[in-house]
Amino acid sequence: MTIVVGSKKAAPSLDHVRAAKKTLQQRLRQVPTVNGVGITKVDGSYALKVNLTDGTRQAQVPSEINGVAVHSEVVGPLRPRGLPTAARAPRRATR
């Protein structure tokens, strides 16, 4: 649903964007290159962002869903990050 005020579209509410996110997640569930779907802000309005491992399936990401803009970005594969420094085992002194 897109709300039009005069000649401009009104920004979608956060609740509307959250509902659109669920719909988009369902639609992209079987696309193997999707790393994640999140909410972002673009020019002061809420939008959705799709992170992809590569651009081979970028055409399957719609530019809009339920009146909410969708942006995609190739971010590469996700990798676990190292433990925070405080959680690492202390190093032994070497001589």
Foldseek 3Di string as FASTA:
>chain_A
DWDDDDNRTDADDPVQQVVQQVVQCVQCVPPVFWPDKDWDDDPRGIAIETEGQDCPCVVSRDQDTPNGGYYYDHPHDDDDDDDPPVPDDDDDDDD
